[in-house]
Amino acid sequence: MKPDESGWLKEYLEFRQELLKELTVESKKASHPEQSLYRVIQPTGLMYGQSVTALDHPNSTDWNDKDRMKILLAESLVSSSLLFFDKQIKTPAELSEVIVKTLESIGNFYNNVFPELATPTKTLFGRKKTPLELAERILDKRVELTTEYNDNFWVQFFHNSLLFLDIFIFGQWIHTNADKIVSDFFRYEREELRFSVVKVIAAAAHANRTVEFEERKLLDFFLTSAGLTGDRKKEAIAIFEKGIAIEEINLPTNNSWILKKYFLEMAILTIWADQRVETEEQDFLNRLCVYMGFSADDLENSMMAIEGFVLEHWDQLSSLQNKQDYNQVSERFIKRMSAVTANNKNRLLKEVQESKELMELLQKAKANEMSELEKKRMQELLIAVLKSIPTFVIISLPQRFLTLPILLKILPSNFFSEVQ
C-alpha cells in the first residue's frame, strides 16, 4: 500500500478491518463515546499535530510524516463515526454499510464545511465518483493544504493539531441533514473554534505575565495554518500582545468533554514550550480547569497523558529534547502514576490474585528464576492489571516506557509482599 497513490484508502480500510470491528464495542470500555474517542486518538499524536504512532502496516516504514498523518486522519474520522453510531453492528455486512455511509459523510463534510477543498463528485467524463474515491481525494487535499513537516515538534504541533477540530466537527456533522443552513453553521463553528484556540494559546502564554520567545513563535506557527480571515488574524495578534483573561476566552457552550480536553492540553503544551512550568503557570492551569468544569484529577490526567505520550516517543520527538529533560519528565510521570496506583491498591491486589499466570511469575521472581521471556510476559500482565484502574481506561499507557523495573517503581510500596 502506498498512501501517495490512488486506492490507498480502500487498501488501508481492508487492512484495519479487525480494529474497526473492535471500535463498534469500544465505547463500552468508557463512560462516554467521547472518552473512547480520546483513548483512540490521543496516543497517535494527532491531537498534538504529530504522526509518531507505530502503525502496524507492513509497508509503514516506507511512509513519510505526511503519509502517516493522512492515514491517522482517515482512521480518526472513521473511528469517530463508529464510536458514536447508536445501533449495534452485528455482521461484517453491517460494518461495511456503516463505513460506506461514513465515507459519503466525509466527502459531504469537507465539500460543504471546507470550501477551499471543494472536489467534484464526477470525473472528467461524467462518471459519478464512489464515496471511497471522493473521500480519498479530499483527504489528500486536506493534508496537503495545511500541514508542514519537519523535525520540529512545535512547528508540527501548531500546523497540524487543528486536524483534531476536523474530527470533532465531523462527529457533529454526521448526525445532521446537511442543508445550506447547517453548512453555514459548521463553517462558522470551524472559524470560531480555531479562534478559540488562539485565545487559549494567548492566555497560556501570558500566564506568567511574560511572553517568552518560544511562545511568540508558537503564534506565528499557528497563524500560518489557521486560515483565519485578515481581520481575525489582526485580532488574534492583538489578543496575543495584550493577553486575555480566562473568562474572556468564550469556549463553546456545548460542554463537549473531548473538546475541553483538547483546549486544556493545548494550554499545557503552550506552557511547556519554554521548558519551565512556573507557579503562576500552574495556577493558570488550575483556574482554566475550574472555568471548564474540570477537577484537579482531570488536570493530573491530562498532564500524565502528555508526559506518557512524550516518554513513549522520546526518540522521535528530537526537537522537544531541547525543551524537556527526559529524567525530569520521567520522574514527574512516575510520581503521578504512583499516586494513582496507591489510591487503587486494593483493586490492583484483587486483579493480580485473580491471574494464575501472574501469580506463578511472581513466585519465580521472588526466587530470581525468571527468563527474559518470562520477564516480558510479567511486564505485559502487570500493564493489563493497571488497565483495570478507571483512570487508565481513558488514558493510554506508554507500554514501551513501562519496562518491568519502572513498573516496580510505580506499584505501591510492599505491594508484592501483600499478594497471597
Foldseek 3Di string as FASTA:
>chain_A
DALVDPPPVVVVCVVCVVVLLVLLCQQVLAPGLLLSLLQVQLLCCQLQLFRQDDDPDPCVVVDDRLSSNLVSLVVSLSSLQSSPDPDRDDDPVSSVVSVQLSLQLLLVLCVLQVVVLNDDQADPVGHGHRSSRSNSSSSVCVSVQQADDDLASLLSRQRRSLSVVVSVLSSVSSVDDDDNVVSVVNNVVLQLLLLLLLQLLLQLCCLVPDRDPQSVVSLVSNVSRSPHDPVSNVVSVVCSVVDDDLVPSCDDDPLDPNSLLSSLLSSVVSNLRQQDCDPSSVVSSCVNCVVSVHDPVSNLLSLLLVLQSCLLRVVSNPNCCVRYPNVVSLVSNLVSLLVQQVVVLVQLLVLQLVDPLLVVLLVCVVVVNDDPVSQVVNLVSSVVSSCVRNSCSSRPGSSVSSHPVSSVSSHDPCSSVPRD
